[in-house]
Amino acid sequence: MALYAIGDLHLSSKVDKPMDIFGPQWTMHHEKIREDWCKKVKSEDTVLIPGDISWGMNMEEAMEDLNWIETLPGEKILLKGNHDYWWGSIKKLNNTFKTLKFLQNNFFAYEDYAICGTRGWSSPNSNKFTQQDEKIYHREVHRLKLSLEGAKKSGYTKIICMLHYPPTNEQHEPSLFTEICEEYNVHMVIYGHLHGEEFYDTGIKGLYNGIHYHLVSCDYLKFQLYKIF
């Protein structure tokens, strides 16, 4: 069973939000993703999707996008992004779809790995970090701890962490996100959120204090799934 990742699908079946306003590379980007996905992923495989899934503002608007993902091969583990306003009750979401699993204050198993995570947020010393950002930052840190602690209590020692936001600020300084991942001996962190050549390097990539970090926003990946295992 293979494990893949791709983030920031930014689907917009029911809302007028074409992504090609951000550049010609985004033209029909969902079809590029589908083509690559169907070439690579088999029914027994798993795909991690760390946020910004649908532009829908509510479940009704997002349902067609989620059903589109449901039709693709494999099991999918989804995380909330900053634009996923449709995201509602985690229990209801996890009872609605057959191949979609929604990650929030919980974890899911992939073979002998636990898939943990939370949306994350901007880290201190980021541009325009405010008091309100501080509150959300600590709330997301708490949610990450809940996810990791759940995996630990269930006996998992191998952990992959999903975040939507990069786990550090633009200067790649340590944060509570990186510190907690190190504390729980996380093997790998994948994240998205960053778009455009000028922003890709604001997120850490490669080996950092013993943990492998990967940016998997779909435009960075040229709309092709990243194979983890």
Protein backbone atom coordinates (compact mmCIF):
# COMPACT_ATOMS: atom_id res chain seq x y z
CA MET A 1 0.00 0.00 0.00
CA ALA A 2 1.48 3.33 -1.08
CA LEU A 3 1.12 6.67 0.71
CA TYR A 4 0.85 9.94 -1.25
CA ALA A 5 0.22 13.60 -0.44
CA ILE A 6 -1.08 16.67 -2.23
CA GLY A 7 -2.53 19.82 -0.69
CA ASP A 8 -4.44 22.96 -1.61
CA LEU A 9 -6.70 21.45 -4.26
CA HIS A 10 -8.82 24.64 -4.23
CA LEU A 11 -11.76 23.00 -5.99
CA SER A 12 -14.66 25.22 -7.00
CA SER A 13 -17.42 23.19 -8.65
CA LYS A 14 -20.22 25.29 -7.14
CA VAL A 15 -18.58 28.70 -6.66
CA ASP A 16 -17.06 31.14 -9.13
CA LYS A 17 -13.44 30.94 -8.01
CA PRO A 18 -11.24 30.04 -11.01
CA MET A 19 -7.64 29.52 -9.93
CA ASP A 20 -6.15 30.54 -13.27
CA ILE A 21 -6.30 34.18 -12.09
CA PHE A 22 -3.14 33.20 -10.18
CA GLY A 23 -1.35 32.14 -13.37
CA PRO A 24 -1.77 29.97 -16.46
CA GLN A 25 -0.34 26.94 -14.60
CA TRP A 26 -3.67 26.77 -12.74
CA THR A 27 -5.77 26.36 -15.92
CA MET A 28 -7.93 23.23 -15.47
CA HIS A 29 -5.66 22.27 -12.59
CA HIS A 30 -8.19 19.80 -11.18
CA GLU A 31 -7.97 17.75 -14.37
CA LYS A 32 -4.18 17.68 -14.12
CA ILE A 33 -4.52 16.38 -10.57
CA ARG A 34 -7.11 13.78 -11.58
CA GLU A 35 -4.99 12.49 -14.45
CA ASP A 36 -1.89 12.05 -12.31
CA TRP A 37 -3.90 10.65 -9.38
CA CYS A 38 -5.58 7.98 -11.49
CA LYS A 39 -2.24 6.94 -12.99
CA LYS A 40 -0.59 6.47 -9.59
CA VAL A 41 -3.12 5.60 -6.91
CA LYS A 42 -4.68 2.18 -6.44
CA SER A 43 -7.72 1.37 -4.30
CA GLU A 44 -5.55 0.09 -1.42
CA ASP A 45 -3.41 3.27 -1.31
CA THR A 46 -3.86 6.36 0.88
CA VAL A 47 -3.61 10.05 -0.04
CA LEU A 48 -3.06 12.83 2.52
CA ILE A 49 -4.70 16.18 1.71
CA PRO A 50 -3.53 18.92 4.12
CA GLY A 51 -6.15 21.60 3.65
CA ASP A 52 -7.68 24.21 1.36
CA ILE A 53 -9.80 21.58 -0.31
CA SER A 54 -12.88 23.46 -1.54
CA TRP A 55 -13.82 27.11 -2.00
CA GLY A 56 -17.38 26.28 -0.93
CA MET A 57 -18.60 28.49 1.90
CA ASN A 58 -20.90 25.81 3.30
CA MET A 59 -21.41 22.06 3.04
CA GLU A 60 -23.93 22.40 0.23
CA GLU A 61 -21.43 24.31 -1.91
CA ALA A 62 -18.54 21.98 -1.02
CA MET A 63 -20.39 18.68 -1.48
CA GLU A 64 -19.70 18.36 -5.22
CA ASP A 65 -16.00 18.93 -4.64
CA LEU A 66 -15.89 16.35 -1.85
CA ASN A 67 -17.80 13.87 -4.00
CA TRP A 68 -15.24 14.50 -6.76
CA ILE A 69 -12.45 13.49 -4.38
CA GLU A 70 -14.54 10.51 -3.22
CA THR A 71 -14.62 9.16 -6.80
CA LEU A 72 -10.82 9.11 -7.05
CA PRO A 73 -8.96 5.89 -6.18
CA GLY A 74 -7.70 5.20 -2.68
CA GLU A 75 -8.50 6.26 0.85
CA LYS A 76 -8.06 9.96 1.62
CA ILE A 77 -7.23 11.69 4.90
CA LEU A 78 -8.25 15.35 4.86
CA LEU A 79 -7.21 18.25 7.06
CA LYS A 80 -8.85 21.66 7.40
CA GLY A 81 -7.20 24.65 5.69
CA ASN A 82 -7.74 28.35 6.28
CA HIS A 83 -10.18 28.54 3.33
CA ASP A 84 -12.26 25.48 4.24
CA TYR A 85 -15.21 27.42 5.66
CA TRP A 86 -17.56 24.53 4.89
CA TRP A 87 -15.83 22.30 7.47
CA GLY A 88 -18.40 21.44 10.16
CA SER A 89 -18.95 18.69 12.73
CA ILE A 90 -16.05 16.25 12.56
CA LYS A 91 -18.34 13.38 13.56
CA LYS A 92 -20.81 14.19 10.79
CA LEU A 93 -18.04 14.56 8.21
CA ASN A 94 -16.54 11.19 9.13
CA ASN A 95 -19.96 9.52 8.86
CA THR A 96 -20.83 11.00 5.46
CA PHE A 97 -18.26 9.54 3.06
CA LYS A 98 -16.88 6.10 2.35
CA THR A 99 -13.26 6.89 1.40
CA LEU A 100 -12.78 10.30 3.05
CA LYS A 101 -11.48 10.59 6.61
CA PHE A 102 -11.35 13.97 8.36
CA LEU A 103 -8.55 14.79 10.78
CA GLN A 104 -9.26 17.06 13.76
CA ASN A 105 -8.22 16.33 17.38
CA ASN A 106 -7.86 12.67 16.33
CA PHE A 107 -5.55 10.45 14.29
CA PHE A 108 -5.79 7.72 11.67
CA ALA A 109 -3.64 4.66 11.07
CA TYR A 110 -1.65 3.94 7.95
CA GLU A 111 -0.01 0.52 8.35
CA ASP A 112 2.19 0.96 11.47
CA TYR A 113 2.17 4.77 11.26
CA ALA A 114 -0.21 7.19 12.92
CA ILE A 115 -1.34 10.12 10.77
CA CYS A 116 -1.74 13.09 13.10
CA GLY A 117 -2.12 16.82 12.65
CA THR A 118 -3.99 20.09 12.83
CA ARG A 119 -4.50 23.13 10.62
CA GLY A 120 -1.73 25.13 12.29
CA TRP A 121 -1.35 28.90 12.05
CA SER A 122 1.19 31.65 11.51
CA SER A 123 4.09 31.38 13.95
CA PRO A 124 5.50 34.18 16.14
CA ASN A 125 7.78 36.68 14.38
CA SER A 126 5.89 36.13 11.14
CA ASN A 127 4.89 39.21 9.20
CA LYS A 128 1.91 40.97 10.86
CA PHE A 129 1.62 38.49 13.77
CA THR A 130 -1.08 39.93 16.06
CA GLN A 131 -2.58 39.23 19.48
CA GLN A 132 -5.43 37.40 17.77
CA ASP A 133 -2.88 35.29 15.88
CA GLU A 134 -1.30 34.43 19.24
CA LYS A 135 -4.61 33.02 20.52
CA ILE A 136 -5.22 30.92 17.40
CA TYR A 137 -1.59 29.76 17.38
CA HIS A 138 -1.86 28.35 20.92
CA ARG A 139 -5.26 26.77 20.17
CA GLU A 140 -3.78 24.96 17.18
CA VAL A 141 -0.78 23.86 19.23
CA HIS A 142 -3.21 22.32 21.73
CA ARG A 143 -5.05 20.52 18.93
CA LEU A 144 -1.80 19.10 17.62
CA LYS A 145 -0.99 17.80 21.12
CA LEU A 146 -4.41 16.11 21.33
CA SER A 147 -3.80 14.33 18.03
CA LEU A 148 -0.28 13.22 18.92
CA GLU A 149 -1.24 12.16 22.43
CA GLY A 150 -4.07 10.03 21.06
CA ALA A 151 -1.64 8.21 18.78
CA LYS A 152 0.87 7.75 21.60
CA LYS A 153 -1.76 6.32 23.98
CA SER A 154 -2.77 3.84 21.27
CA GLY A 155 0.79 2.58 21.10
CA TYR A 156 2.04 4.23 17.91
CA THR A 157 5.71 5.16 17.79
CA LYS A 158 5.89 6.04 14.08
CA ILE A 159 4.11 9.29 13.29
CA ILE A 160 3.50 11.43 10.22
CA CYS A 161 2.13 14.89 10.95
CA MET A 162 -0.06 16.97 8.63
CA LEU A 163 -0.30 20.75 8.95
CA HIS A 164 -1.89 23.19 6.58
CA TYR A 165 0.32 26.13 7.52
CA PRO A 166 4.13 25.92 7.46
CA PRO A 167 5.38 24.94 10.93
CA THR A 168 7.76 27.92 11.26
CA ASN A 169 7.89 31.60 10.40
CA GLU A 170 9.56 32.98 7.26
CA GLN A 171 12.96 32.92 8.98
CA HIS A 172 12.61 29.17 9.70
CA GLU A 173 12.91 29.77 13.43
CA PRO A 174 11.75 27.03 15.83
CA SER A 175 8.10 27.19 16.90
CA LEU A 176 5.87 25.30 19.30
CA PHE A 177 4.82 23.20 16.29
CA THR A 178 8.39 22.09 15.56
CA GLU A 179 9.14 21.61 19.27
CA ILE A 180 6.10 19.38 19.82
CA CYS A 181 6.88 17.32 16.72
CA GLU A 182 10.39 16.80 18.05
CA GLU A 183 9.07 15.92 21.50
CA TYR A 184 6.83 13.20 20.03
CA ASN A 185 9.55 11.91 17.67
CA VAL A 186 7.52 12.66 14.55
CA HIS A 187 9.13 11.10 11.47
CA MET A 188 7.80 13.49 8.85
CA VAL A 189 5.75 16.69 8.54
CA ILE A 190 3.86 17.61 5.37
CA TYR A 191 2.20 20.98 4.86
CA GLY A 192 0.76 23.26 2.18
CA HIS A 193 -0.58 26.84 2.11
CA LEU A 194 2.34 28.34 0.18
CA HIS A 195 1.77 29.31 -3.45
CA GLY A 196 4.00 30.97 -6.02
CA GLU A 197 7.76 30.89 -6.58
CA GLU A 198 8.32 33.87 -4.27
CA PHE A 199 6.79 32.04 -1.29
CA TYR A 200 7.95 28.42 -1.64
CA ASP A 201 11.21 29.06 0.23
CA THR A 202 9.45 30.67 3.20
CA GLY A 203 8.64 27.15 4.41
CA ILE A 204 11.24 24.71 5.71
CA LYS A 205 12.01 21.72 3.51
CA GLY A 206 14.24 18.71 4.02
CA LEU A 207 15.77 17.51 7.29
CA TYR A 208 15.35 19.89 10.26
CA ASN A 209 16.29 18.74 13.77
CA GLY A 210 15.81 15.11 12.81
CA ILE A 211 12.41 15.51 11.10
CA HIS A 212 11.74 15.47 7.36
CA TYR A 213 9.61 18.42 6.17
CA HIS A 214 7.81 18.48 2.82
CA LEU A 215 5.81 21.23 1.11
CA VAL A 216 2.99 19.58 -0.86
CA SER A 217 0.83 22.45 -2.13
CA CYS A 218 -0.36 21.28 -5.53
CA ASP A 219 1.22 24.07 -7.62
CA TYR A 220 4.60 23.45 -5.95
CA LEU A 221 4.22 19.78 -6.95
CA LYS A 222 3.19 20.83 -10.49
CA PHE A 223 -0.18 19.19 -9.76
CA GLN A 224 1.34 15.73 -9.32
CA LEU A 225 1.01 13.66 -6.14
CA TYR A 226 4.07 13.35 -3.93
CA LYS A 227 4.85 9.74 -3.03
CA ILE A 228 5.84 9.39 0.63
CA PHE A 229 6.22 5.61 0.71
